[in-house]
């Protein structure tokens, strides 16, 4: 919910984008501003499991470049030394 002093900007969305945002609202009273903030401005980094869950739910997709970056990071990952 916005307060009376908060600026408001109207945007246009294509119908598929609107339907996608509408589909991921957590409850009917969640505003689209809250949905966008939740998706774009996460308070904490997401875990691998959360990423997997979001992909399974169709909440977003990875590009080929994203997948290549993940693969590169996995190849470069060095496990910690265990004494």
N, C-alpha and C. Protein backbone atom coordinates (compact mmCIF):
# COMPACT_ATOMS: atom_id res chain seq x y z
N UNK A 1 0.84 -1.17 0.00
CA UNK A 1 0.00 0.00 0.00
C UNK A 1 0.89 1.24 0.00
N UNK A 2 0.49 2.27 -0.71
CA UNK A 2 1.28 3.50 -0.75
C UNK A 2 0.68 4.53 0.18
N UNK A 3 1.52 5.46 0.65
CA UNK A 3 0.97 6.52 1.47
C UNK A 3 0.66 7.71 0.60
N UNK A 4 -0.03 8.69 1.15
CA UNK A 4 -0.51 9.82 0.35
C UNK A 4 0.60 10.70 -0.21
N UNK A 5 1.83 10.57 0.32
CA UNK A 5 2.94 11.39 -0.15
C UNK A 5 3.83 10.66 -1.14
N UNK A 6 3.54 9.40 -1.43
CA UNK A 6 4.37 8.62 -2.33
C UNK A 6 4.00 8.93 -3.78
N UNK A 7 5.03 9.19 -4.59
CA UNK A 7 4.79 9.43 -6.01
C UNK A 7 4.34 8.14 -6.68
N UNK A 8 3.51 8.28 -7.68
CA UNK A 8 2.99 7.12 -8.42
C UNK A 8 3.29 7.33 -9.89
N UNK A 9 3.73 6.25 -10.55
CA UNK A 9 4.03 6.28 -11.98
C UNK A 9 3.20 5.20 -12.65
N UNK A 10 2.48 5.55 -13.68
CA UNK A 10 1.69 4.59 -14.43
C UNK A 10 2.56 3.99 -15.53
N UNK A 11 2.51 2.66 -15.67
CA UNK A 11 3.26 1.98 -16.72
C UNK A 11 2.31 1.13 -17.54
N UNK A 12 2.72 0.80 -18.74
CA UNK A 12 1.95 -0.09 -19.60
C UNK A 12 2.67 -1.42 -19.69
N UNK A 13 1.89 -2.48 -19.63
CA UNK A 13 2.45 -3.83 -19.77
C UNK A 13 1.70 -4.54 -20.88
N UNK A 14 2.41 -5.40 -21.59
CA UNK A 14 1.72 -6.27 -22.52
C UNK A 14 0.94 -7.28 -21.69
N UNK A 15 -0.13 -7.81 -22.25
CA UNK A 15 -1.04 -8.66 -21.51
C UNK A 15 -0.35 -9.86 -20.88
N UNK A 16 0.60 -10.48 -21.58
CA UNK A 16 1.27 -11.65 -21.01
C UNK A 16 2.08 -11.28 -19.77
N UNK A 17 2.72 -10.10 -19.79
CA UNK A 17 3.49 -9.65 -18.63
C UNK A 17 2.56 -9.36 -17.45
N UNK A 18 1.42 -8.73 -17.74
CA UNK A 18 0.43 -8.46 -16.70
C UNK A 18 -0.08 -9.77 -16.08
N UNK A 19 -0.41 -10.72 -16.91
CA UNK A 19 -0.91 -12.01 -16.42
C UNK A 19 0.15 -12.73 -15.58
N UNK A 20 1.41 -12.63 -15.98
CA UNK A 20 2.50 -13.25 -15.22
C UNK A 20 2.62 -12.62 -13.84
N UNK A 21 2.58 -11.29 -13.78
CA UNK A 21 2.64 -10.62 -12.48
C UNK A 21 1.43 -10.97 -11.62
N UNK A 22 0.28 -10.97 -12.23
CA UNK A 22 -0.95 -11.29 -11.50
C UNK A 22 -0.90 -12.70 -10.93
N UNK A 23 -0.34 -13.64 -11.70
CA UNK A 23 -0.29 -15.04 -11.30
C UNK A 23 0.63 -15.28 -10.10
N UNK A 24 1.62 -14.42 -9.91
CA UNK A 24 2.55 -14.66 -8.80
C UNK A 24 2.27 -13.81 -7.58
N UNK A 25 1.14 -13.12 -7.59
CA UNK A 25 0.75 -12.40 -6.38
C UNK A 25 0.51 -13.42 -5.27
N UNK A 26 1.01 -13.11 -4.08
CA UNK A 26 0.89 -14.05 -2.96
C UNK A 26 -0.51 -14.07 -2.38
N UNK A 27 -1.22 -12.98 -2.49
CA UNK A 27 -2.60 -12.91 -2.02
C UNK A 27 -3.30 -11.79 -2.79
N UNK A 28 -4.61 -11.80 -2.85
CA UNK A 28 -5.32 -10.82 -3.67
C UNK A 28 -5.04 -9.36 -3.30
N UNK A 29 -4.69 -9.11 -2.06
CA UNK A 29 -4.44 -7.72 -1.65
C UNK A 29 -3.00 -7.27 -1.89
N UNK A 30 -2.12 -8.18 -2.32
CA UNK A 30 -0.75 -7.77 -2.61
C UNK A 30 -0.77 -6.88 -3.85
N UNK A 31 -0.18 -5.71 -3.74
CA UNK A 31 -0.16 -4.78 -4.87
C UNK A 31 0.88 -5.21 -5.90
N UNK A 32 0.72 -4.71 -7.10
CA UNK A 32 1.71 -4.99 -8.13
C UNK A 32 3.05 -4.36 -7.76
N UNK A 33 3.04 -3.23 -7.07
CA UNK A 33 4.29 -2.62 -6.60
C UNK A 33 5.00 -3.57 -5.65
N UNK A 34 4.26 -4.21 -4.76
CA UNK A 34 4.85 -5.17 -3.82
C UNK A 34 5.43 -6.36 -4.58
N UNK A 35 4.72 -6.84 -5.59
CA UNK A 35 5.20 -7.97 -6.39
C UNK A 35 6.51 -7.60 -7.08
N UNK A 36 6.54 -6.44 -7.71
CA UNK A 36 7.74 -6.00 -8.43
C UNK A 36 8.90 -5.83 -7.46
N UNK A 37 8.66 -5.21 -6.31
CA UNK A 37 9.73 -5.05 -5.32
C UNK A 37 10.25 -6.40 -4.87
N UNK A 38 9.36 -7.34 -4.63
CA UNK A 38 9.76 -8.67 -4.16
C UNK A 38 10.62 -9.38 -5.20
N UNK A 39 10.27 -9.22 -6.48
CA UNK A 39 11.00 -9.90 -7.53
C UNK A 39 12.30 -9.20 -7.91
N UNK A 40 12.30 -7.89 -7.89
CA UNK A 40 13.43 -7.13 -8.39
C UNK A 40 14.39 -6.74 -7.27
N UNK A 41 13.88 -6.54 -6.09
CA UNK A 41 14.71 -6.05 -4.99
C UNK A 41 14.68 -7.04 -3.82
N UNK A 42 15.21 -8.25 -4.01
CA UNK A 42 15.17 -9.19 -2.89
C UNK A 42 15.99 -8.67 -1.72
N UNK A 43 15.48 -8.89 -0.52
CA UNK A 43 16.15 -8.43 0.69
C UNK A 43 17.44 -9.21 0.97
N UNK A 44 17.44 -10.48 0.64
CA UNK A 44 18.62 -11.32 0.84
C UNK A 44 18.85 -12.13 -0.43
N UNK A 45 20.08 -12.54 -0.67
CA UNK A 45 20.34 -13.38 -1.84
C UNK A 45 19.55 -14.69 -1.74
N UNK A 46 19.13 -15.21 -2.87
CA UNK A 46 18.38 -16.46 -2.85
C UNK A 46 19.34 -17.64 -2.85
N UNK A 47 18.86 -18.74 -2.31
CA UNK A 47 19.66 -19.96 -2.29
C UNK A 47 19.46 -20.71 -3.61
N UNK A 48 20.29 -21.72 -3.83
CA UNK A 48 20.14 -22.56 -5.01
C UNK A 48 18.77 -23.22 -5.05
N UNK A 49 18.29 -23.68 -3.88
CA UNK A 49 16.98 -24.32 -3.82
C UNK A 49 15.88 -23.32 -4.19
N UNK A 50 15.98 -22.09 -3.68
CA UNK A 50 14.98 -21.08 -4.01
C UNK A 50 14.99 -20.77 -5.51
N UNK A 51 16.18 -20.69 -6.09
CA UNK A 51 16.29 -20.47 -7.53
C UNK A 51 15.63 -21.61 -8.29
N UNK A 52 15.94 -22.84 -7.90
CA UNK A 52 15.35 -24.01 -8.54
C UNK A 52 13.82 -23.96 -8.42
N UNK A 53 13.31 -23.66 -7.23
CA UNK A 53 11.86 -23.58 -7.02
C UNK A 53 11.22 -22.53 -7.92
N UNK A 54 11.86 -21.37 -8.02
CA UNK A 54 11.31 -20.31 -8.87
C UNK A 54 11.31 -20.72 -10.34
N UNK A 55 12.36 -21.40 -10.76
CA UNK A 55 12.40 -21.88 -12.14
C UNK A 55 11.30 -22.90 -12.38
N UNK A 56 11.10 -23.82 -11.43
CA UNK A 56 10.05 -24.84 -11.55
C UNK A 56 8.67 -24.20 -11.60
N UNK A 57 8.48 -23.12 -10.85
CA UNK A 57 7.19 -22.42 -10.82
C UNK A 57 6.97 -21.55 -12.05
N UNK A 58 8.00 -21.40 -12.86
CA UNK A 58 7.89 -20.57 -14.05
C UNK A 58 7.94 -19.09 -13.74
N UNK A 59 8.50 -18.74 -12.58
CA UNK A 59 8.54 -17.33 -12.18
C UNK A 59 9.57 -16.54 -12.96
N UNK A 60 10.58 -17.19 -13.47
CA UNK A 60 11.52 -16.57 -14.40
C UNK A 60 12.33 -17.66 -15.06
N UNK A 61 13.01 -17.29 -16.10
CA UNK A 61 13.80 -18.27 -16.84
C UNK A 61 15.25 -17.79 -16.92
N UNK A 62 16.13 -18.72 -17.20
CA UNK A 62 17.54 -18.39 -17.39
C UNK A 62 17.81 -18.30 -18.89
N UNK A 63 18.62 -17.32 -19.25
CA UNK A 63 19.06 -17.23 -20.64
C UNK A 63 20.22 -18.20 -20.84
N UNK A 64 20.60 -18.40 -22.08
CA UNK A 64 21.75 -19.24 -22.38
C UNK A 64 23.00 -18.66 -21.71
N UNK A 65 23.12 -17.33 -21.71
CA UNK A 65 24.27 -16.68 -21.07
C UNK A 65 24.27 -16.94 -19.57
N UNK A 66 23.09 -16.91 -18.94
CA UNK A 66 22.98 -17.20 -17.51
C UNK A 66 23.45 -18.63 -17.23
N UNK A 67 22.98 -19.57 -18.04
CA UNK A 67 23.34 -20.97 -17.84
C UNK A 67 24.84 -21.17 -18.01
N UNK A 68 25.44 -20.50 -19.00
CA UNK A 68 26.89 -20.59 -19.20
C UNK A 68 27.64 -20.01 -18.01
N UNK A 69 27.15 -18.91 -17.45
CA UNK A 69 27.79 -18.30 -16.29
C UNK A 69 27.74 -19.24 -15.08
N UNK A 70 26.60 -19.90 -14.89
CA UNK A 70 26.48 -20.87 -13.79
C UNK A 70 27.46 -22.02 -14.00
N UNK A 71 27.52 -22.53 -15.22
CA UNK A 71 28.46 -23.61 -15.53
C UNK A 71 29.90 -23.18 -15.26
N UNK A 72 30.26 -21.97 -15.68
CA UNK A 72 31.62 -21.47 -15.46
C UNK A 72 31.91 -21.36 -13.97
N UNK A 73 30.97 -20.82 -13.20
CA UNK A 73 31.18 -20.71 -11.76
C UNK A 73 31.32 -22.08 -11.11
N UNK A 74 30.56 -23.05 -11.57
CA UNK A 74 30.68 -24.41 -11.03
C UNK A 74 32.03 -25.02 -11.35
N UNK A 75 32.53 -24.80 -12.56
CA UNK A 75 33.84 -25.33 -12.94
C UNK A 75 34.96 -24.70 -12.12
N UNK A 76 34.81 -23.41 -11.82
CA UNK A 76 35.86 -22.68 -11.11
C UNK A 76 35.77 -22.83 -9.60
N UNK A 77 34.69 -23.41 -9.12
CA UNK A 77 34.49 -23.57 -7.68
C UNK A 77 35.49 -24.57 -7.11
N UNK A 78 36.14 -24.17 -6.07
CA UNK A 78 37.12 -25.06 -5.41
C UNK A 78 36.57 -25.41 -4.03
N UNK A 79 36.40 -26.71 -3.77
CA UNK A 79 35.89 -27.11 -2.45
C UNK A 79 36.87 -26.69 -1.35
N UNK A 80 36.35 -26.43 -0.15
CA UNK A 80 37.24 -26.06 0.95
C UNK A 80 38.12 -27.23 1.36
N UNK A 81 39.30 -26.92 1.83
CA UNK A 81 40.20 -27.96 2.34
C UNK A 81 39.69 -28.46 3.68
N UNK A 82 39.58 -29.76 3.81
CA UNK A 82 39.10 -30.34 5.07
C UNK A 82 40.28 -31.02 5.74
N UNK A 83 40.66 -30.52 6.93
CA UNK A 83 41.84 -31.10 7.61
C UNK A 83 41.61 -32.51 8.10
